[in-house]
PDB file of N, CA and C in Angstrom:
ATOM      1  N   GLY A   1    -147.186  80.994 -28.301  1.00  0.00           N
ATOM      2  CA  GLY A   1    -146.123  81.971 -28.480  1.00  0.00           C
ATOM      3  C   GLY A   1    -144.814  81.299 -28.832  1.00  0.00           C
ATOM      4  N   SER A   2    -143.930  82.027 -29.430  1.00  0.00           N
ATOM      5  CA  SER A   2    -142.620  81.529 -29.824  1.00  0.00           C
ATOM      6  C   SER A   2    -141.631  81.682 -28.688  1.00  0.00           C
ATOM      7  N   THR A   3    -140.498  81.006 -28.816  1.00  0.00           N
ATOM      8  CA  THR A   3    -139.489  81.088 -27.766  1.00  0.00           C
ATOM      9  C   THR A   3    -138.192  81.709 -28.248  1.00  0.00           C
ATOM     10  N   ALA A   4    -138.164  82.278 -29.451  1.00  0.00           N
ATOM     11  CA  ALA A   4    -136.931  82.899 -29.957  1.00  0.00           C
ATOM     12  C   ALA A   4    -136.656  84.214 -29.240  1.00  0.00           C
ATOM     13  N   ALA A   5    -135.477  84.767 -29.464  1.00  0.00           N
ATOM     14  CA  ALA A   5    -135.058  86.061 -28.917  1.00  0.00           C
ATOM     15  C   ALA A   5    -135.161  86.117 -27.404  1.00  0.00           C
ATOM     16  N   GLY A   6    -134.831  85.013 -26.724  1.00  0.00           N
ATOM     17  CA  GLY A   6    -134.757  85.026 -25.275  1.00  0.00           C
ATOM     18  C   GLY A   6    -136.093  84.932 -24.572  1.00  0.00           C
ATOM     19  N   ALA A   7    -137.163  84.624 -25.293  1.00  0.00           N
ATOM     20  CA  ALA A   7    -138.485  84.615 -24.681  1.00  0.00           C
ATOM     21  C   ALA A   7    -138.869  83.232 -24.177  1.00  0.00           C
ATOM     22  N   GLN A   8    -139.626  83.214 -23.093  1.00  0.00           N
ATOM     23  CA  GLN A   8    -140.245  81.977 -22.639  1.00  0.00           C
ATOM     24  C   GLN A   8    -141.600  81.885 -23.336  1.00  0.00           C
ATOM     25  N   PRO A   9    -142.173  80.678 -23.434  1.00  0.00           N
ATOM     26  CA  PRO A   9    -143.503  80.577 -24.039  1.00  0.00           C
ATOM     27  C   PRO A   9    -144.504  81.446 -23.275  1.00  0.00           C
ATOM     28  N   ARG A  10    -145.243  82.265 -23.982  1.00  0.00           N
ATOM     29  CA  ARG A  10    -146.224  83.167 -23.383  1.00  0.00           C
ATOM     30  C   ARG A  10    -147.495  83.123 -24.230  1.00  0.00           C
ATOM     31  N   PRO A  11    -148.627  83.524 -23.633  1.00  0.00           N
ATOM     32  CA  PRO A  11    -149.891  83.488 -24.380  1.00  0.00           C
ATOM     33  C   PRO A  11    -150.109  84.719 -25.259  1.00  0.00           C
ATOM     34  N   PHE A  12    -149.061  85.206 -25.888  1.00  0.00           N
ATOM     35  CA  PHE A  12    -149.172  86.331 -26.817  1.00  0.00           C
ATOM     36  C   PHE A  12    -148.060  86.218 -27.848  1.00  0.00           C
ATOM     37  N   ALA A  13    -148.259  86.886 -28.975  1.00  0.00           N
ATOM     38  CA  ALA A  13    -147.283  86.840 -30.064  1.00  0.00           C
ATOM     39  C   ALA A  13    -146.090  87.736 -29.755  1.00  0.00           C
ATOM     40  N   ARG A  14    -144.922  87.337 -30.242  1.00  0.00           N
ATOM     41  CA  ARG A  14    -143.741  88.202 -30.126  1.00  0.00           C
ATOM     42  C   ARG A  14    -143.920  89.432 -30.988  1.00  0.00           C
ATOM     43  N   ALA A  15    -144.605  89.262 -32.125  1.00  0.00           N
ATOM     44  CA  ALA A  15    -144.896  90.382 -33.021  1.00  0.00           C
ATOM     45  C   ALA A  15    -146.091  90.014 -33.889  1.00  0.00           C
ATOM     46  N   VAL A  16    -146.812  91.045 -34.308  1.00  0.00           N
ATOM     47  CA  VAL A  16    -147.943  90.866 -35.211  1.00  0.00           C
ATOM     48  C   VAL A  16    -147.797  91.884 -36.336  1.00  0.00           C
ATOM     49  N   GLU A  17    -147.900  91.396 -37.579  1.00  0.00           N
ATOM     50  CA  GLU A  17    -147.800  92.265 -38.749  1.00  0.00           C
ATOM     51  C   GLU A  17    -149.177  92.447 -39.360  1.00  0.00           C
ATOM     52  N   ALA A  18    -149.484  93.698 -39.735  1.00  0.00           N
ATOM     53  CA  ALA A  18    -150.757  94.003 -40.380  1.00  0.00           C
ATOM     54  C   ALA A  18    -150.575  95.190 -41.313  1.00  0.00           C
ATOM     55  N   ASP A  19    -150.747  94.961 -42.612  1.00  0.00           N
ATOM     56  CA  ASP A  19    -150.739  96.053 -43.598  1.00  0.00           C
ATOM     57  C   ASP A  19    -149.477  96.909 -43.565  1.00  0.00           C
ATOM     58  N   GLY A  20    -148.331  96.282 -43.402  1.00  0.00           N
ATOM     59  CA  GLY A  20    -147.073  97.019 -43.378  1.00  0.00           C
ATOM     60  C   GLY A  20    -146.626  97.457 -41.995  1.00  0.00           C
ATOM     61  N   TRP A  21    -147.493  97.289 -41.017  1.00  0.00           N
ATOM     62  CA  TRP A  21    -147.178  97.641 -39.627  1.00  0.00           C
ATOM     63  C   TRP A  21    -146.737  96.395 -38.880  1.00  0.00           C
ATOM     64  N   LEU A  22    -145.696  96.518 -38.080  1.00  0.00           N
ATOM     65  CA  LEU A  22    -145.246  95.421 -37.227  1.00  0.00           C
ATOM     66  C   LEU A  22    -145.283  95.909 -35.784  1.00  0.00           C
ATOM     67  N   HIS A  23    -146.119  95.262 -34.985  1.00  0.00           N
ATOM     68  CA  HIS A  23    -146.234  95.575 -33.560  1.00  0.00           C
ATOM     69  C   HIS A  23    -145.443  94.514 -32.802  1.00  0.00           C
ATOM     70  N   VAL A  24    -144.348  94.932 -32.173  1.00  0.00           N
ATOM     71  CA  VAL A  24    -143.481  94.005 -31.448  1.00  0.00           C
ATOM     72  C   VAL A  24    -143.800  94.087 -29.962  1.00  0.00           C
ATOM     73  N   SER A  25    -144.098  92.939 -29.373  1.00  0.00           N
ATOM     74  CA  SER A  25    -144.378  92.880 -27.939  1.00  0.00           C
ATOM     75  C   SER A  25    -143.155  93.285 -27.132  1.00  0.00           C
ATOM     76  N   GLY A  26    -143.391  93.679 -25.894  1.00  0.00           N
ATOM     77  CA  GLY A  26    -142.311  94.108 -25.013  1.00  0.00           C
ATOM     78  C   GLY A  26    -141.221  93.061 -24.891  1.00  0.00           C
ATOM     79  N   GLN A  27    -139.992  93.516 -25.053  1.00  0.00           N
ATOM     80  CA  GLN A  27    -138.822  92.643 -24.933  1.00  0.00           C
ATOM     81  C   GLN A  27    -138.053  93.015 -23.675  1.00  0.00           C
ATOM     82  N   VAL A  28    -137.546  91.999 -23.008  1.00  0.00           N
ATOM     83  CA  VAL A  28    -136.762  92.183 -21.789  1.00  0.00           C
ATOM     84  C   VAL A  28    -135.361  91.624 -22.027  1.00  0.00           C
ATOM     85  N   PRO A  29    -134.429  91.894 -21.117  1.00  0.00           N
ATOM     86  CA  PRO A  29    -133.050  91.439 -21.304  1.00  0.00           C
ATOM     87  C   PRO A  29    -132.865  89.969 -20.942  1.00  0.00           C
ATOM     88  N   ALA A  30    -133.512  89.106 -21.711  1.00  0.00           N
ATOM     89  CA  ALA A  30    -133.468  87.674 -21.422  1.00  0.00           C
ATOM     90  C   ALA A  30    -132.690  86.920 -22.492  1.00  0.00           C
ATOM     91  N   VAL A  31    -132.010  85.882 -22.050  1.00  0.00           N
ATOM     92  CA  VAL A  31    -131.350  84.922 -22.928  1.00  0.00           C
ATOM     93  C   VAL A  31    -131.810  83.557 -22.455  1.00  0.00           C
ATOM     94  N   ASP A  32    -132.346  82.762 -23.365  1.00  0.00           N
ATOM     95  CA  ASP A  32    -132.870  81.436 -23.027  1.00  0.00           C
ATOM     96  C   ASP A  32    -133.868  81.500 -21.873  1.00  0.00           C
ATOM     97  N   GLY A  33    -134.698  82.547 -21.870  1.00  0.00           N
ATOM     98  CA  GLY A  33    -135.761  82.662 -20.882  1.00  0.00           C
ATOM     99  C   GLY A  33    -135.347  83.203 -19.531  1.00  0.00           C
ATOM    100  N   GLU A  34    -134.070  83.531 -19.353  1.00  0.00           N
ATOM    101  CA  GLU A  34    -133.590  84.037 -18.062  1.00  0.00           C
ATOM    102  C   GLU A  34    -133.100  85.470 -18.216  1.00  0.00           C
ATOM    103  N   ILE A  35    -133.485  86.327 -17.270  1.00  0.00           N
ATOM    104  CA  ILE A  35    -133.000  87.706 -17.260  1.00  0.00           C
ATOM    105  C   ILE A  35    -131.494  87.681 -17.024  1.00  0.00           C
ATOM    106  N   ILE A  36    -130.753  88.412 -17.850  1.00  0.00           N
ATOM    107  CA  ILE A  36    -129.298  88.417 -17.707  1.00  0.00           C
ATOM    108  C   ILE A  36    -128.884  89.206 -16.466  1.00  0.00           C
ATOM    109  N   VAL A  37    -127.727  88.877 -15.936  1.00  0.00           N
ATOM    110  CA  VAL A  37    -127.150  89.615 -14.824  1.00  0.00           C
ATOM    111  C   VAL A  37    -126.478  90.848 -15.404  1.00  0.00           C
ATOM    112  N   GLY A  38    -126.665  91.979 -14.763  1.00  0.00           N
ATOM    113  CA  GLY A  38    -126.001  93.189 -15.235  1.00  0.00           C
ATOM    114  C   GLY A  38    -126.808  94.426 -14.925  1.00  0.00           C
ATOM    115  N   GLY A  39    -126.165  95.561 -15.130  1.00  0.00           N
ATOM    116  CA  GLY A  39    -126.805  96.844 -14.907  1.00  0.00           C
ATOM    117  C   GLY A  39    -127.617  97.271 -16.111  1.00  0.00           C
ATOM    118  N   ILE A  40    -128.075  98.512 -16.075  1.00  0.00           N
ATOM    119  CA  ILE A  40    -128.945  99.020 -17.132  1.00  0.00           C
ATOM    120  C   ILE A  40    -128.265  99.007 -18.495  1.00  0.00           C
ATOM    121  N   VAL A  41    -126.963  99.250 -18.557  1.00  0.00           N
ATOM    122  CA  VAL A  41    -126.267  99.266 -19.848  1.00  0.00           C
ATOM    123  C   VAL A  41    -126.301  97.882 -20.486  1.00  0.00           C
ATOM    124  N   GLU A  42    -125.887  96.864 -19.755  1.00  0.00           N
ATOM    125  CA  GLU A  42    -125.876  95.490 -20.283  1.00  0.00           C
ATOM    126  C   GLU A  42    -127.292  95.028 -20.616  1.00  0.00           C
ATOM    127  N   GLN A  43    -128.234  95.343 -19.718  1.00  0.00           N
ATOM    128  CA  GLN A  43    -129.606  94.894 -19.942  1.00  0.00           C
ATOM    129  C   GLN A  43    -130.244  95.600 -21.142  1.00  0.00           C
ATOM    130  N   THR A  44    -129.927  96.860 -21.353  1.00  0.00           N
ATOM    131  CA  THR A  44    -130.478  97.558 -22.518  1.00  0.00           C
ATOM    132  C   THR A  44    -129.913  96.978 -23.810  1.00  0.00           C
ATOM    133  N   HIS A  45    -128.618  96.700 -23.839  1.00  0.00           N
ATOM    134  CA  HIS A  45    -128.030  96.075 -25.037  1.00  0.00           C
ATOM    135  C   HIS A  45    -128.713  94.738 -25.341  1.00  0.00           C
ATOM    136  N   GLN A  46    -128.942  93.900 -24.332  1.00  0.00           N
ATOM    137  CA  GLN A  46    -129.573  92.598 -24.569  1.00  0.00           C
ATOM    138  C   GLN A  46    -131.015  92.772 -25.033  1.00  0.00           C
ATOM    139  N   THR A  47    -131.728  93.707 -24.428  1.00  0.00           N
ATOM    140  CA  THR A  47    -133.110  93.968 -24.833  1.00  0.00           C
ATOM    141  C   THR A  47    -133.161  94.405 -26.292  1.00  0.00           C
ATOM    142  N   MET A  48    -132.239  95.276 -26.688  1.00  0.00           N
ATOM    143  CA  MET A  48    -132.190  95.724 -28.079  1.00  0.00           C
ATOM    144  C   MET A  48    -131.836  94.568 -29.015  1.00  0.00           C
ATOM    145  N   LYS A  49    -130.926  93.690 -28.615  1.00  0.00           N
ATOM    146  CA  LYS A  49    -130.601  92.515 -29.442  1.00  0.00           C
ATOM    147  C   LYS A  49    -131.850  91.674 -29.670  1.00  0.00           C
ATOM    148  N   ASN A  50    -132.644  91.482 -28.616  1.00  0.00           N
ATOM    149  CA  ASN A  50    -133.870  90.692 -28.744  1.00  0.00           C
ATOM    150  C   ASN A  50    -134.869  91.383 -29.666  1.00  0.00           C
ATOM    151  N   LEU A  51    -135.004  92.694 -29.527  1.00  0.00           N
ATOM    152  CA  LEU A  51    -135.911  93.466 -30.371  1.00  0.00           C
ATOM    153  C   LEU A  51    -135.481  93.397 -31.839  1.00  0.00           C
ATOM    154  N   ILE A  52    -134.192  93.587 -32.085  1.00  0.00           N
ATOM    155  CA  ILE A  52    -133.651  93.537 -33.451  1.00  0.00           C
ATOM    156  C   ILE A  52    -133.873  92.161 -34.074  1.00  0.00           C
ATOM    157  N   ALA A  53    -133.687  91.099 -33.304  1.00  0.00           N
ATOM    158  CA  ALA A  53    -133.884  89.738 -33.829  1.00  0.00           C
ATOM    159  C   ALA A  53    -135.314  89.551 -34.326  1.00  0.00           C
ATOM    160  N   ILE A  54    -136.277  90.064 -33.585  1.00  0.00           N
ATOM    161  CA  ILE A  54    -137.680  89.932 -33.986  1.00  0.00           C
ATOM    162  C   ILE A  54    -137.966  90.796 -35.209  1.00  0.00           C
ATOM    163  N   LEU A  55    -137.475  92.022 -35.209  1.00  0.00           N
ATOM    164  CA  LEU A  55    -137.653  92.897 -36.374  1.00  0.00           C
ATOM    165  C   LEU A  55    -137.085  92.246 -37.631  1.00  0.00           C
ATOM    166  N   GLU A  56    -135.849  91.762 -37.548  1.00  0.00           N
ATOM    167  CA  GLU A  56    -135.187  91.175 -38.720  1.00  0.00           C
ATOM    168  C   GLU A  56    -135.881  89.906 -39.190  1.00  0.00           C
ATOM    169  N   GLU A  57    -136.361  89.102 -38.260  1.00  0.00           N
ATOM    170  CA  GLU A  57    -137.082  87.876 -38.628  1.00  0.00           C
ATOM    171  C   GLU A  57    -138.311  88.210 -39.470  1.00  0.00           C
ATOM    172  N   ALA A  58    -138.922  89.366 -39.210  1.00  0.00           N
ATOM    173  CA  ALA A  58    -140.115  89.789 -39.948  1.00  0.00           C
ATOM    174  C   ALA A  58    -139.776  90.648 -41.167  1.00  0.00           C
ATOM    175  N   GLY A  59    -138.474  90.872 -41.420  1.00  0.00           N
ATOM    176  CA  GLY A  59    -138.070  91.647 -42.584  1.00  0.00           C
ATOM    177  C   GLY A  59    -138.023  93.151 -42.359  1.00  0.00           C
ATOM    178  N   TYR A  60    -137.928  93.562 -41.112  1.00  0.00           N
ATOM    179  CA  TYR A  60    -137.850  94.981 -40.758  1.00  0.00           C
ATOM    180  C   TYR A  60    -136.494  95.268 -40.126  1.00  0.00           C
ATOM    181  N   GLY A  61    -136.182  96.549 -39.976  1.00  0.00           N
ATOM    182  CA  GLY A  61    -134.959  96.961 -39.300  1.00  0.00           C
ATOM    183  C   GLY A  61    -135.250  98.125 -38.377  1.00  0.00           C
ATOM    184  N   LEU A  62    -134.244  98.538 -37.631  1.00  0.00           N
ATOM    185  CA  LEU A  62    -134.424  99.665 -36.711  1.00  0.00           C
ATOM    186  C   LEU A  62    -134.852 100.934 -37.443  1.00  0.00           C
ATOM    187  N   GLU A  63    -134.421 101.081 -38.702  1.00  0.00           N
ATOM    188  CA  GLU A  63    -134.798 102.270 -39.468  1.00  0.00           C
ATOM    189  C   GLU A  63    -136.292 102.316 -39.763  1.00  0.00           C
ATOM    190  N   ASP A  64    -136.998 101.181 -39.595  1.00  0.00           N
ATOM    191  CA  ASP A  64    -138.438 101.116 -39.828  1.00  0.00           C
ATOM    192  C   ASP A  64    -139.256 101.392 -38.565  1.00  0.00           C
ATOM    193  N   VAL A  65    -138.605 101.475 -37.415  1.00  0.00           N
ATOM    194  CA  VAL A  65    -139.312 101.685 -36.148  1.00  0.00           C
ATOM    195  C   VAL A  65    -139.807 103.128 -36.086  1.00  0.00           C
ATOM    196  N   VAL A  66    -141.119 103.283 -35.875  1.00  0.00           N
ATOM    197  CA  VAL A  66    -141.716 104.617 -35.802  1.00  0.00           C
ATOM    198  C   VAL A  66    -142.081 105.015 -34.375  1.00  0.00           C
ATOM    199  N   ARG A  67    -142.204 104.034 -33.484  1.00  0.00           N
ATOM    200  CA  ARG A  67    -142.520 104.322 -32.090  1.00  0.00           C
ATOM    201  C   ARG A  67    -141.923 103.247 -31.201  1.00  0.00           C
ATOM    202  N   ALA A  68    -141.434 103.674 -30.047  1.00  0.00           N
ATOM    203  CA  ALA A  68    -140.934 102.733 -29.037  1.00  0.00           C
ATOM    204  C   ALA A  68    -141.559 103.082 -27.696  1.00  0.00           C
ATOM    205  N   GLY A  69    -141.863 102.057 -26.937  1.00  0.00           N
ATOM    206  CA  GLY A  69    -142.328 102.227 -25.563  1.00  0.00           C
ATOM    207  C   GLY A  69    -141.267 101.648 -24.648  1.00  0.00           C
ATOM    208  N   VAL A  70    -140.933 102.371 -23.593  1.00  0.00           N
ATOM    209  CA  VAL A  70    -139.866 101.951 -22.687  1.00  0.00           C
ATOM    210  C   VAL A  70    -140.375 101.970 -21.256  1.00  0.00           C
ATOM    211  N   TRP A  71    -140.062 100.918 -20.530  1.00  0.00           N
ATOM    212  CA  TRP A  71    -140.343 100.837 -19.107  1.00  0.00           C
ATOM    213  C   TRP A  71    -139.018 100.649 -18.389  1.00  0.00           C
ATOM    214  N   LEU A  72    -138.744 101.524 -17.431  1.00  0.00           N
ATOM    215  CA  LEU A  72    -137.535 101.418 -16.620  1.00  0.00           C
ATOM    216  C   LEU A  72    -137.921 101.121 -15.183  1.00  0.00           C
ATOM    217  N   ASP A  73    -137.213 100.185 -14.573  1.00  0.00           N
ATOM    218  CA  ASP A  73    -137.457  99.841 -13.177  1.00  0.00           C
ATOM    219  C   ASP A  73    -137.057 100.995 -12.259  1.00  0.00           C
ATOM    220  N   ASP A  74    -135.955 101.668 -12.579  1.00  0.00           N
ATOM    221  CA  ASP A  74    -135.418 102.736 -11.735  1.00  0.00           C
ATOM    222  C   ASP A  74    -135.209 103.989 -12.581  1.00  0.00           C
ATOM    223  N   PRO A  75    -135.940 105.072 -12.300  1.00  0.00           N
ATOM    224  CA  PRO A  75    -135.793 106.274 -13.113  1.00  0.00           C
ATOM    225  C   PRO A  75    -134.385 106.868 -13.074  1.00  0.00           C
ATOM    226  N   ARG A  76    -133.588 106.506 -12.102  1.00  0.00           N
ATOM    227  CA  ARG A  76    -132.203 106.987 -12.055  1.00  0.00           C
ATOM    228  C   ARG A  76    -131.369 106.395 -13.193  1.00  0.00           C
ATOM    229  N   ASP A  77    -131.873 105.349 -13.844  1.00  0.00           N
ATOM    230  CA  ASP A  77    -131.177 104.729 -14.978  1.00  0.00           C
ATOM    231  C   ASP A  77    -131.437 105.450 -16.301  1.00  0.00           C
ATOM    232  N   PHE A  78    -132.272 106.489 -16.287  1.00  0.00           N
ATOM    233  CA  PHE A  78    -132.716 107.145 -17.519  1.00  0.00           C
ATOM    234  C   PHE A  78    -131.553 107.629 -18.388  1.00  0.00           C
ATOM    235  N   THR A  79    -130.580 108.308 -17.805  1.00  0.00           N
ATOM    236  CA  THR A  79    -129.465 108.850 -18.586  1.00  0.00           C
ATOM    237  C   THR A  79    -128.635 107.741 -19.211  1.00  0.00           C
ATOM    238  N   SER A  80    -128.299 106.726 -18.436  1.00  0.00           N
ATOM    239  CA  SER A  80    -127.511 105.599 -18.970  1.00  0.00           C
ATOM    240  C   SER A  80    -128.297 104.852 -20.038  1.00  0.00           C
ATOM    241  N   PHE A  81    -129.596 104.654 -19.798  1.00  0.00           N
ATOM    242  CA  PHE A  81    -130.441 104.001 -20.796  1.00  0.00           C
ATOM    243  C   PHE A  81    -130.418 104.793 -22.106  1.00  0.00           C
ATOM    244  N   ASN A  82    -130.602 106.110 -22.023  1.00  0.00           N
ATOM    245  CA  ASN A  82    -130.644 106.948 -23.221  1.00  0.00           C
ATOM    246  C   ASN A  82    -129.364 106.860 -24.031  1.00  0.00           C
ATOM    247  N   LYS A  83    -128.227 106.773 -23.364  1.00  0.00           N
ATOM    248  CA  LYS A  83    -126.951 106.653 -24.085  1.00  0.00           C
ATOM    249  C   LYS A  83    -126.934 105.385 -24.930  1.00  0.00           C
ATOM    250  N   VAL A  84    -127.360 104.274 -24.350  1.00  0.00           N
ATOM    251  CA  VAL A  84    -127.382 103.010 -25.090  1.00  0.00           C
ATOM    252  C   VAL A  84    -128.441 103.068 -26.193  1.00  0.00           C
ATOM    253  N   PHE A  85    -129.627 103.550 -25.883  1.00  0.00           N
ATOM    254  CA  PHE A  85    -130.706 103.661 -26.864  1.00  0.00           C
ATOM    255  C   PHE A  85    -130.228 104.459 -28.076  1.00  0.00           C
ATOM    256  N   GLY A  86    -129.486 105.535 -27.824  1.00  0.00           N
ATOM    257  CA  GLY A  86    -128.965 106.380 -28.890  1.00  0.00           C
ATOM    258  C   GLY A  86    -127.920 105.703 -29.759  1.00  0.00           C
ATOM    259  N   GLU A  87    -127.290 104.647 -29.257  1.00  0.00           N
ATOM    260  CA  GLU A  87    -126.348 103.882 -30.080  1.00  0.00           C
ATOM    261  C   GLU A  87    -127.086 103.104 -31.169  1.00  0.00           C
ATOM    262  N   TYR A  88    -128.336 102.774 -30.914  1.00  0.00           N
ATOM    263  CA  TYR A  88    -129.132 101.988 -31.856  1.00  0.00           C
ATOM    264  C   TYR A  88    -130.003 102.868 -32.753  1.00  0.00           C
ATOM    265  N   PHE A  89    -130.554 103.924 -32.186  1.00  0.00           N
ATOM    266  CA  PHE A  89    -131.442 104.815 -32.933  1.00  0.00           C
ATOM    267  C   PHE A  89    -130.748 106.150 -33.144  1.00  0.00           C
ATOM    268  N   LYS A  90    -130.203 106.339 -34.334  1.00  0.00           N
ATOM    269  CA  LYS A  90    -129.537 107.590 -34.691  1.00  0.00           C
ATOM    270  C   LYS A  90    -130.595 108.675 -34.917  1.00  0.00           C
ATOM    271  N   PRO A  91    -130.219 109.954 -34.762  1.00  0.00           N
ATOM    272  CA  PRO A  91    -131.206 111.039 -34.884  1.00  0.00           C
ATOM    273  C   PRO A  91    -132.040 110.991 -36.166  1.00  0.00           C
ATOM    274  N   GLU A  92    -131.432 110.611 -37.281  1.00  0.00           N
ATOM    275  CA  GLU A  92    -132.188 110.589 -38.548  1.00  0.00           C
ATOM    276  C   GLU A  92    -133.244 109.481 -38.598  1.00  0.00           C
ATOM    277  N   HIS A  93    -133.153 108.504 -37.699  1.00  0.00           N
ATOM    278  CA  HIS A  93    -134.150 107.428 -37.648  1.00  0.00           C
ATOM    279  C   HIS A  93    -134.725 107.262 -36.247  1.00  0.00           C
ATOM    280  N   ALA A  94    -134.670 108.316 -35.441  1.00  0.00           N
ATOM    281  CA  ALA A  94    -135.176 108.220 -34.068  1.00  0.00           C
ATOM    282  C   ALA A  94    -136.697 108.074 -34.085  1.00  0.00           C
ATOM    283  N   PRO A  95    -137.218 107.091 -33.355  1.00  0.00           N
ATOM    284  CA  PRO A  95    -138.667 106.912 -33.302  1.00  0.00           C
ATOM    285  C   PRO A  95    -139.297 107.853 -32.275  1.00  0.00           C
ATOM    286  N   ALA A  96    -140.600 108.032 -32.383  1.00  0.00           N
ATOM    287  CA  ALA A  96    -141.337 108.640 -31.281  1.00  0.00           C
ATOM    288  C   ALA A  96    -141.193 107.675 -30.101  1.00  0.00           C
ATOM    289  N   ARG A  97    -141.246 108.193 -28.869  1.00  0.00           N
ATOM    290  CA  ARG A  97    -140.998 107.298 -27.739  1.00  0.00           C
ATOM    291  C   ARG A  97    -141.702 107.795 -26.488  1.00  0.00           C
ATOM    292  N   ALA A  98    -142.154 106.848 -25.697  1.00  0.00           N
ATOM    293  CA  ALA A  98    -142.631 107.122 -24.346  1.00  0.00           C
ATOM    294  C   ALA A  98    -141.752 106.311 -23.408  1.00  0.00           C
ATOM    295  N   CYS A  99    -141.447 106.875 -22.250  1.00  0.00           N
ATOM    296  CA  CYS A  99    -140.623 106.171 -21.269  1.00  0.00           C
ATOM    297  C   CYS A  99    -141.239 106.397 -19.898  1.00  0.00           C
ATOM    298  N   VAL A 100    -141.552 105.305 -19.211  1.00  0.00           N
ATOM    299  CA  VAL A 100    -142.170 105.401 -17.893  1.00  0.00           C
ATOM    300  C   VAL A 100    -141.443 104.510 -16.900  1.00  0.00           C
ATOM    301  N   GLN A 101    -141.619 104.814 -15.639  1.00  0.00           N
ATOM    302  CA  GLN A 101    -141.070 103.983 -14.569  1.00  0.00           C
ATOM    303  C   GLN A 101    -142.140 102.978 -14.177  1.00  0.00           C
ATOM    304  N   ALA A 102    -141.730 101.725 -14.004  1.00  0.00           N
ATOM    305  CA  ALA A 102    -142.667 100.677 -13.610  1.00  0.00           C
ATOM    306  C   ALA A 102    -141.922  99.574 -12.883  1.00  0.00           C
ATOM    307  N   SER A 103    -142.587  98.986 -11.901  1.00  0.00           N
ATOM    308  CA  SER A 103    -142.007  97.811 -11.256  1.00  0.00           C
ATOM    309  C   SER A 103    -141.980  96.692 -12.273  1.00  0.00           C
ATOM    310  N   MET A 104    -140.890  95.945 -12.279  1.00  0.00           N
ATOM    311  CA  MET A 104    -140.689  94.921 -13.299  1.00  0.00           C
ATOM    312  C   MET A 104    -140.556  93.547 -12.656  1.00  0.00           C
ATOM    313  N   MET A 105    -140.339  92.548 -13.528  1.00  0.00           N
ATOM    314  CA  MET A 105    -140.017  91.213 -13.051  1.00  0.00           C
ATOM    315  C   MET A 105    -138.733  91.292 -12.231  1.00  0.00           C
ATOM    316  N   VAL A 106    -138.517  90.317 -11.392  1.00  0.00           N
ATOM    317  CA  VAL A 106    -137.317  90.286 -10.560  1.00  0.00           C
ATOM    318  C   VAL A 106    -136.066  90.415 -11.427  1.00  0.00           C
ATOM    319  N   ASP A 107    -135.172  91.312 -11.064  1.00  0.00           N
ATOM    320  CA  ASP A 107    -133.881  91.559 -11.720  1.00  0.00           C
ATOM    321  C   ASP A 107    -133.975  92.222 -13.092  1.00  0.00           C
ATOM    322  N   CYS A 108    -135.167  92.491 -13.580  1.00  0.00           N
ATOM    323  CA  CYS A 108    -135.338  93.132 -14.889  1.00  0.00           C
ATOM    324  C   CYS A 108    -135.350  94.645 -14.706  1.00  0.00           C
ATOM    325  N   LYS A 109    -134.472  95.328 -15.431  1.00  0.00           N
ATOM    326  CA  LYS A 109    -134.349  96.778 -15.305  1.00  0.00           C
ATOM    327  C   LYS A 109    -134.991  97.546 -16.457  1.00  0.00           C
ATOM    328  N   VAL A 110    -135.295  96.858 -17.574  1.00  0.00           N
ATOM    329  CA  VAL A 110    -135.817  97.553 -18.748  1.00  0.00           C
ATOM    330  C   VAL A 110    -136.683  96.619 -19.593  1.00  0.00           C
ATOM    331  N   GLU A 111    -137.697  97.199 -20.215  1.00  0.00           N
ATOM    332  CA  GLU A 111    -138.514  96.503 -21.215  1.00  0.00           C
ATOM    333  C   GLU A 111    -138.783  97.501 -22.334  1.00  0.00           C
ATOM    334  N   ILE A 112    -138.729  97.023 -23.566  1.00  0.00           N
ATOM    335  CA  ILE A 112    -138.960  97.889 -24.727  1.00  0.00           C
ATOM    336  C   ILE A 112    -139.891  97.174 -25.705  1.00  0.00           C
ATOM    337  N   ASP A 113    -140.928  97.889 -26.159  1.00  0.00           N
ATOM    338  CA  ASP A 113    -141.733  97.395 -27.273  1.00  0.00           C
ATOM    339  C   ASP A 113    -141.607  98.406 -28.404  1.00  0.00           C
ATOM    340  N   CYS A 114    -142.109  98.056 -29.570  1.00  0.00           N
ATOM    341  CA  CYS A 114    -142.031  99.022 -30.670  1.00  0.00           C
ATOM    342  C   CYS A 114    -143.074  98.733 -31.730  1.00  0.00           C
ATOM    343  N   ILE A 115    -143.272  99.747 -32.553  1.00  0.00           N
ATOM    344  CA  ILE A 115    -144.098  99.634 -33.749  1.00  0.00           C
ATOM    345  C   ILE A 115    -143.220 100.054 -34.921  1.00  0.00           C
ATOM    346  N   ALA A 116    -143.189  99.214 -35.947  1.00  0.00           N
ATOM    347  CA  ALA A 116    -142.411  99.513 -37.147  1.00  0.00           C
ATOM    348  C   ALA A 116    -143.365  99.566 -38.336  1.00  0.00           C
ATOM    349  N   TYR A 117    -142.970 100.316 -39.354  1.00  0.00           N
ATOM    350  CA  TYR A 117    -143.777 100.416 -40.566  1.00  0.00           C
ATOM    351  C   TYR A 117    -142.887 100.322 -41.794  1.00  0.00           C
ATOM    352  N   LYS A 118    -143.334  99.528 -42.732  1.00  0.00           N
ATOM    353  CA  LYS A 118    -142.640  99.406 -44.018  1.00  0.00           C
ATOM    354  C   LYS A 118    -143.719  99.402 -45.094  1.00  0.00           C
ATOM    355  N   LYS A 119    -143.644 100.376 -45.995  1.00  0.00           N
ATOM    356  CA  LYS A 119    -144.641 100.483 -47.064  1.00  0.00           C
ATOM    357  C   LYS A 119    -144.611  99.227 -47.923  1.00  0.00           C
ATOM    358  N   LYS A 120    -145.776  98.672 -48.147  1.00  0.00           N
ATOM    359  CA  LYS A 120    -145.890  97.474 -48.977  1.00  0.00           C
ATOM    360  C   LYS A 120    -145.711  97.833 -50.444  1.00  0.00           C
ATOM    361  N   ALA A 121    -145.024  96.964 -51.169  1.00  0.00           N
ATOM    362  CA  ALA A 121    -144.771  97.211 -52.600  1.00  0.00           C
ATOM    363  C   ALA A 121    -146.030  97.027 -53.414  1.00  0.00           C
TER     364      ALA A 121
END
């Protein structure tokens, strides 16, 4: 596995591309392998930065994201999370999304994965 976008070496790919589809593995609010200190707002911004870095490295953008999966440590963070998520995904490019509550790594409040699609020329 790669170590870019705040990831530690893991036995899985950060993203896999197949036939115009890009499947991005779950991203957490990490910088240099460490979960950042902060609440859901700060952690969501960092998670999105990591997700965007992987998308852009593969030649995709947020406008290409067709589905996002979200895991929140605390369901009480849902409203604050949605506000930040909406800063990145405008209504005209909003992906389909699932959001569930799950116990996370220590100090991690959010994880986001996504699937993007770009028609091949």
